[in-house]
Amino acid sequence: MHLNPLSVLQTLEEHLPDNAILVADGGDFVATGAYVLRPRSPRSWLDPGAFGTLGVGGGFALGAKIVRPECEVWIVYGDGSCGYSLMEYDTFLRHKTPIISIVGNDACWNQIARDQVPLLG
């Protein structure tokens, strides 16, 4: 079964609490999320930006939760970027740091493939 990313992200937007901190970590799913998800307050959207690196979501989320423990911290991942920071979940568990993750899995590095496949075959 395939889920529509816009529908998933809109549902998330409708249910996020007012104290949510959103961490964006790479991929088409996250790029779409940037148009749909609304930061709840100043400093509640953490994103490495267009020229940032994949895999920073775990570290960003850990830092956000330590600094603002009363907030609900969500990471929105693409499947590729998630693969770069899965080891951070060991840290979350060992230090009893609740983080919520959403992974948009298209089973492809689609942001890369979209440009390279037509160009390179």
N, C-alpha and C. Protein backbone atom coordinates (compact mmCIF):
# COMPACT_ATOMS: atom_id res chain seq x y z
N MET A 1 0.84 -1.18 0.00
CA MET A 1 0.00 0.00 0.00
C MET A 1 0.89 1.24 0.00
N HIS A 2 0.57 2.19 -0.84
CA HIS A 2 1.32 3.44 -0.92
C HIS A 2 0.52 4.56 -0.28
N LEU A 3 1.21 5.41 0.45
CA LEU A 3 0.59 6.56 1.09
C LEU A 3 0.94 7.82 0.30
N ASN A 4 0.02 8.73 0.22
CA ASN A 4 0.28 10.01 -0.41
C ASN A 4 1.04 10.89 0.58
N PRO A 5 2.26 11.34 0.24
CA PRO A 5 3.05 12.14 1.18
C PRO A 5 2.34 13.41 1.63
N LEU A 6 1.62 14.06 0.72
CA LEU A 6 0.89 15.28 1.11
C LEU A 6 -0.16 14.98 2.16
N SER A 7 -0.85 13.87 1.99
CA SER A 7 -1.88 13.47 2.95
C SER A 7 -1.27 13.15 4.32
N VAL A 8 -0.16 12.42 4.31
CA VAL A 8 0.52 12.07 5.57
C VAL A 8 0.98 13.34 6.29
N LEU A 9 1.61 14.24 5.55
CA LEU A 9 2.13 15.46 6.16
C LEU A 9 1.01 16.39 6.62
N GLN A 10 -0.07 16.46 5.88
CA GLN A 10 -1.20 17.29 6.29
C GLN A 10 -1.84 16.74 7.57
N THR A 11 -1.94 15.42 7.66
CA THR A 11 -2.47 14.79 8.88
C THR A 11 -1.55 15.08 10.06
N LEU A 12 -0.24 14.99 9.84
CA LEU A 12 0.72 15.32 10.90
C LEU A 12 0.54 16.78 11.32
N GLU A 13 0.44 17.68 10.36
CA GLU A 13 0.26 19.11 10.65
C GLU A 13 -0.96 19.35 11.54
N GLU A 14 -2.03 18.65 11.25
CA GLU A 14 -3.28 18.83 12.00
C GLU A 14 -3.20 18.30 13.43
N HIS A 15 -2.25 17.40 13.70
CA HIS A 15 -2.18 16.77 15.03
C HIS A 15 -0.98 17.18 15.87
N LEU A 16 -0.07 17.96 15.32
CA LEU A 16 1.09 18.38 16.10
C LEU A 16 0.67 19.30 17.24
N PRO A 17 1.24 19.10 18.43
CA PRO A 17 0.90 19.98 19.55
C PRO A 17 1.55 21.36 19.38
N ASP A 18 1.08 22.31 20.16
CA ASP A 18 1.61 23.67 20.08
C ASP A 18 3.07 23.77 20.51
N ASN A 19 3.54 22.81 21.31
CA ASN A 19 4.93 22.87 21.78
C ASN A 19 5.87 22.00 20.94
N ALA A 20 5.43 21.59 19.76
CA ALA A 20 6.26 20.69 18.93
C ALA A 20 7.47 21.42 18.36
N ILE A 21 8.59 20.72 18.35
CA ILE A 21 9.78 21.15 17.62
C ILE A 21 9.93 20.19 16.45
N LEU A 22 10.07 20.74 15.26
CA LEU A 22 10.20 19.92 14.05
C LEU A 22 11.63 19.96 13.55
N VAL A 23 12.19 18.78 13.32
CA VAL A 23 13.53 18.65 12.77
C VAL A 23 13.38 18.07 11.37
N ALA A 24 13.91 18.75 10.38
CA ALA A 24 13.84 18.30 8.99
C ALA A 24 15.19 17.74 8.59
N ASP A 25 15.21 16.52 8.04
CA ASP A 25 16.49 15.91 7.67
C ASP A 25 16.43 15.23 6.31
N GLY A 26 16.45 16.00 5.27
CA GLY A 26 16.73 15.55 3.91
C GLY A 26 15.77 14.66 3.18
N GLY A 27 15.64 14.92 1.89
CA GLY A 27 14.86 14.08 0.98
C GLY A 27 13.62 14.77 0.45
N ASP A 28 13.02 14.16 -0.56
CA ASP A 28 11.80 14.70 -1.16
C ASP A 28 10.68 14.85 -0.14
N PHE A 29 10.53 13.85 0.72
CA PHE A 29 9.47 13.87 1.74
C PHE A 29 9.62 15.10 2.63
N VAL A 30 10.85 15.39 3.01
CA VAL A 30 11.12 16.53 3.89
C VAL A 30 10.93 17.84 3.14
N ALA A 31 11.35 17.89 1.88
CA ALA A 31 11.14 19.10 1.08
C ALA A 31 9.65 19.41 0.96
N THR A 32 8.84 18.38 0.78
CA THR A 32 7.39 18.57 0.74
C THR A 32 6.89 19.04 2.11
N GLY A 33 7.43 18.45 3.16
CA GLY A 33 7.05 18.85 4.51
C GLY A 33 7.30 20.32 4.80
N ALA A 34 8.34 20.88 4.18
CA ALA A 34 8.65 22.29 4.40
C ALA A 34 7.53 23.20 3.89
N TYR A 35 6.73 22.71 2.97
CA TYR A 35 5.59 23.48 2.46
C TYR A 35 4.32 23.25 3.27
N VAL A 36 4.24 22.13 3.96
CA VAL A 36 2.99 21.74 4.63
C VAL A 36 3.05 21.96 6.14
N LEU A 37 4.18 21.64 6.75
CA LEU A 37 4.30 21.71 8.21
C LEU A 37 4.60 23.14 8.66
N ARG A 38 3.90 23.59 9.67
CA ARG A 38 4.01 24.95 10.17
C ARG A 38 4.76 24.96 11.50
N PRO A 39 5.88 25.69 11.57
CA PRO A 39 6.56 25.82 12.87
C PRO A 39 5.60 26.41 13.89
N ARG A 40 5.65 25.89 15.10
CA ARG A 40 4.71 26.31 16.14
C ARG A 40 5.13 27.59 16.83
N SER A 41 6.40 27.89 16.84
CA SER A 41 6.92 29.08 17.53
C SER A 41 8.31 29.36 16.98
N PRO A 42 8.89 30.52 17.33
CA PRO A 42 10.28 30.77 16.92
C PRO A 42 11.20 29.65 17.41
N ARG A 43 12.18 29.31 16.63
CA ARG A 43 13.18 28.28 16.93
C ARG A 43 12.56 26.89 17.10
N SER A 44 11.46 26.64 16.41
CA SER A 44 10.85 25.31 16.50
C SER A 44 10.92 24.54 15.18
N TRP A 45 11.68 25.05 14.20
CA TRP A 45 11.92 24.34 12.94
C TRP A 45 13.43 24.28 12.77
N LEU A 46 14.00 23.08 12.84
CA LEU A 46 15.44 22.91 12.71
C LEU A 46 15.72 22.18 11.40
N ASP A 47 16.50 22.80 10.54
CA ASP A 47 16.71 22.30 9.18
C ASP A 47 18.13 22.69 8.76
N PRO A 48 18.92 21.76 8.22
CA PRO A 48 20.28 22.11 7.80
C PRO A 48 20.31 23.00 6.57
N GLY A 49 19.18 23.19 5.90
CA GLY A 49 19.12 24.06 4.73
C GLY A 49 19.49 23.34 3.45
N ALA A 50 19.38 24.06 2.36
CA ALA A 50 19.59 23.48 1.02
C ALA A 50 21.00 22.91 0.84
N PHE A 51 21.98 23.49 1.48
CA PHE A 51 23.35 23.01 1.32
C PHE A 51 23.85 22.29 2.57
N GLY A 52 22.92 21.88 3.42
CA GLY A 52 23.27 21.13 4.62
C GLY A 52 23.58 19.68 4.29
N THR A 53 23.87 18.93 5.29
CA THR A 53 24.25 17.53 5.10
C THR A 53 23.13 16.60 5.57
N LEU A 54 23.06 15.42 4.97
CA LEU A 54 22.10 14.41 5.40
C LEU A 54 22.55 13.78 6.71
N GLY A 55 21.59 13.41 7.53
CA GLY A 55 21.90 12.66 8.74
C GLY A 55 22.06 13.50 9.99
N VAL A 56 21.80 14.80 9.90
CA VAL A 56 21.96 15.65 11.09
C VAL A 56 20.74 15.62 12.00
N GLY A 57 19.65 15.02 11.54
CA GLY A 57 18.39 15.04 12.28
C GLY A 57 18.49 14.49 13.69
N GLY A 58 19.18 13.38 13.86
CA GLY A 58 19.32 12.79 15.19
C GLY A 58 20.01 13.73 16.16
N GLY A 59 21.10 14.32 15.74
CA GLY A 59 21.82 15.26 16.59
C GLY A 59 21.02 16.52 16.88
N PHE A 60 20.35 17.04 15.84
CA PHE A 60 19.50 18.22 16.03
C PHE A 60 18.40 17.92 17.04
N ALA A 61 17.77 16.76 16.90
CA ALA A 61 16.66 16.38 17.79
C ALA A 61 17.14 16.20 19.22
N LEU A 62 18.28 15.55 19.39
CA LEU A 62 18.84 15.35 20.72
C LEU A 62 19.11 16.69 21.39
N GLY A 63 19.75 17.59 20.67
CA GLY A 63 20.03 18.92 21.21
C GLY A 63 18.76 19.67 21.56
N ALA A 64 17.76 19.60 20.69
CA ALA A 64 16.49 20.29 20.94
C ALA A 64 15.81 19.75 22.20
N LYS A 65 15.82 18.44 22.37
CA LYS A 65 15.14 17.84 23.52
C LYS A 65 15.88 18.15 24.82
N ILE A 66 17.20 18.22 24.77
CA ILE A 66 17.97 18.56 25.97
C ILE A 66 17.72 20.01 26.37
N VAL A 67 17.69 20.91 25.39
CA VAL A 67 17.51 22.33 25.68
C VAL A 67 16.07 22.66 26.06
N ARG A 68 15.11 21.96 25.43
CA ARG A 68 13.69 22.23 25.69
C ARG A 68 12.98 20.91 26.00
N PRO A 69 13.24 20.32 27.18
CA PRO A 69 12.70 18.99 27.50
C PRO A 69 11.17 18.94 27.58
N GLU A 70 10.54 20.08 27.77
CA GLU A 70 9.08 20.11 27.85
C GLU A 70 8.41 19.99 26.49
N CYS A 71 9.18 20.12 25.42
CA CYS A 71 8.63 20.09 24.06
C CYS A 71 8.61 18.68 23.49
N GLU A 72 7.66 18.45 22.60
CA GLU A 72 7.59 17.20 21.84
C GLU A 72 8.47 17.40 20.60
N VAL A 73 9.49 16.57 20.43
CA VAL A 73 10.42 16.72 19.31
C VAL A 73 10.13 15.66 18.26
N TRP A 74 9.94 16.12 17.03
CA TRP A 74 9.64 15.25 15.88
C TRP A 74 10.75 15.40 14.85
N ILE A 75 11.22 14.26 14.31
CA ILE A 75 12.14 14.28 13.17
C ILE A 75 11.36 13.82 11.95
N VAL A 76 11.46 14.60 10.88
CA VAL A 76 10.87 14.21 9.60
C VAL A 76 12.05 13.86 8.69
N TYR A 77 12.12 12.58 8.32
CA TYR A 77 13.24 12.05 7.54
C TYR A 77 12.81 11.64 6.14
N GLY A 78 13.74 11.71 5.20
CA GLY A 78 13.67 10.91 4.00
C GLY A 78 14.35 9.59 4.34
N ASP A 79 14.08 8.53 3.58
CA ASP A 79 14.66 7.23 3.93
C ASP A 79 16.19 7.24 3.85
N GLY A 80 16.76 7.96 2.90
CA GLY A 80 18.22 8.02 2.80
C GLY A 80 18.85 8.74 3.97
N SER A 81 18.30 9.88 4.36
CA SER A 81 18.88 10.63 5.48
C SER A 81 18.73 9.88 6.79
N CYS A 82 17.64 9.14 6.94
CA CYS A 82 17.44 8.35 8.16
C CYS A 82 18.56 7.32 8.33
N GLY A 83 18.99 6.74 7.23
CA GLY A 83 20.05 5.74 7.29
C GLY A 83 21.36 6.28 7.84
N TYR A 84 21.56 7.58 7.73
CA TYR A 84 22.79 8.19 8.24
C TYR A 84 22.76 8.43 9.75
N SER A 85 21.60 8.36 10.37
CA SER A 85 21.58 8.68 11.80
C SER A 85 20.80 7.68 12.65
N LEU A 86 20.63 6.47 12.15
CA LEU A 86 19.94 5.46 12.96
C LEU A 86 20.65 5.17 14.27
N MET A 87 21.98 5.29 14.28
CA MET A 87 22.72 5.01 15.51
C MET A 87 22.36 5.97 16.64
N GLU A 88 21.80 7.13 16.29
CA GLU A 88 21.39 8.08 17.34
C GLU A 88 20.26 7.53 18.20
N TYR A 89 19.51 6.57 17.67
CA TYR A 89 18.41 6.00 18.45
C TYR A 89 18.94 5.22 19.65
N ASP A 90 20.13 4.69 19.56
CA ASP A 90 20.75 4.07 20.72
C ASP A 90 20.95 5.11 21.82
N THR A 91 21.41 6.29 21.44
CA THR A 91 21.59 7.38 22.41
C THR A 91 20.25 7.80 23.00
N PHE A 92 19.23 7.95 22.15
CA PHE A 92 17.90 8.33 22.65
C PHE A 92 17.42 7.33 23.71
N LEU A 93 17.58 6.04 23.42
CA LEU A 93 17.10 5.01 24.35
C LEU A 93 17.91 4.97 25.63
N ARG A 94 19.24 5.00 25.50
CA ARG A 94 20.09 4.92 26.70
C ARG A 94 19.85 6.08 27.65
N HIS A 95 19.56 7.25 27.10
CA HIS A 95 19.37 8.44 27.93
C HIS A 95 17.89 8.78 28.13
N LYS A 96 17.02 7.81 27.77
CA LYS A 96 15.58 7.98 27.97
C LYS A 96 15.09 9.32 27.42
N THR A 97 15.46 9.58 26.17
CA THR A 97 15.12 10.82 25.49
C THR A 97 14.05 10.54 24.45
N PRO A 98 12.79 10.89 24.73
CA PRO A 98 11.72 10.58 23.78
C PRO A 98 11.76 11.49 22.55
N ILE A 99 11.91 10.87 21.41
CA ILE A 99 11.91 11.54 20.11
C ILE A 99 10.92 10.79 19.23
N ILE A 100 10.16 11.50 18.42
CA ILE A 100 9.21 10.87 17.51
C ILE A 100 9.72 11.07 16.08
N SER A 101 9.72 10.00 15.30
CA SER A 101 10.24 10.07 13.93
C SER A 101 9.20 9.66 12.91
N ILE A 102 9.20 10.36 11.79
CA ILE A 102 8.39 10.02 10.62
C ILE A 102 9.38 9.84 9.47
N VAL A 103 9.31 8.69 8.79
CA VAL A 103 10.23 8.42 7.68
C VAL A 103 9.42 8.27 6.40
N GLY A 104 9.71 9.12 5.43
CA GLY A 104 9.10 8.99 4.11
C GLY A 104 9.97 8.06 3.29
N ASN A 105 9.51 6.84 3.05
CA ASN A 105 10.32 5.82 2.39
C ASN A 105 9.82 5.58 0.97
N ASP A 106 10.57 6.11 0.00
CA ASP A 106 10.24 5.81 -1.39
C ASP A 106 11.19 4.75 -1.96
N ALA A 107 12.01 4.17 -1.08
CA ALA A 107 12.95 3.10 -1.44
C ALA A 107 13.87 3.51 -2.58
N CYS A 108 14.23 4.77 -2.60
CA CYS A 108 15.06 5.27 -3.69
C CYS A 108 15.67 6.60 -3.26
N TRP A 109 16.81 6.90 -3.76
CA TRP A 109 17.38 8.23 -3.57
C TRP A 109 16.74 9.11 -4.66
N ASN A 110 15.44 9.33 -4.55
CA ASN A 110 14.67 9.93 -5.64
C ASN A 110 15.12 11.34 -5.97
N GLN A 111 15.51 12.11 -4.98
CA GLN A 111 15.97 13.47 -5.25
C GLN A 111 17.20 13.45 -6.15
N ILE A 112 18.03 12.44 -6.01
CA ILE A 112 19.21 12.28 -6.85
C ILE A 112 18.83 11.65 -8.18
N ALA A 113 18.06 10.57 -8.12
CA ALA A 113 17.71 9.82 -9.33
C ALA A 113 16.94 10.67 -10.33
N ARG A 114 16.09 11.55 -9.86
CA ARG A 114 15.25 12.35 -10.75
C ARG A 114 16.10 13.13 -11.77
N ASP A 115 17.25 13.64 -11.35
CA ASP A 115 18.12 14.38 -12.26
C ASP A 115 19.14 13.49 -12.96
N GLN A 116 19.69 12.51 -12.24
CA GLN A 116 20.79 11.73 -12.81
C GLN A 116 20.36 10.65 -13.79
N VAL A 117 19.23 10.01 -13.57
CA VAL A 117 18.80 8.93 -14.47
C VAL A 117 18.59 9.46 -15.89
N PRO A 118 17.87 10.57 -16.10
CA PRO A 118 17.73 11.06 -17.47
C PRO A 118 19.06 11.51 -18.08
N LEU A 119 19.93 12.04 -17.25
CA LEU A 119 21.21 12.54 -17.74
C LEU A 119 22.20 11.41 -18.03
N LEU A 120 22.28 10.44 -17.12
CA LEU A 120 23.30 9.40 -17.21
C LEU A 120 22.78 8.05 -17.66
N GLY A 121 21.47 7.89 -17.66
CA GLY A 121 20.90 6.61 -18.10
C GLY A 121 20.79 5.59 -17.02
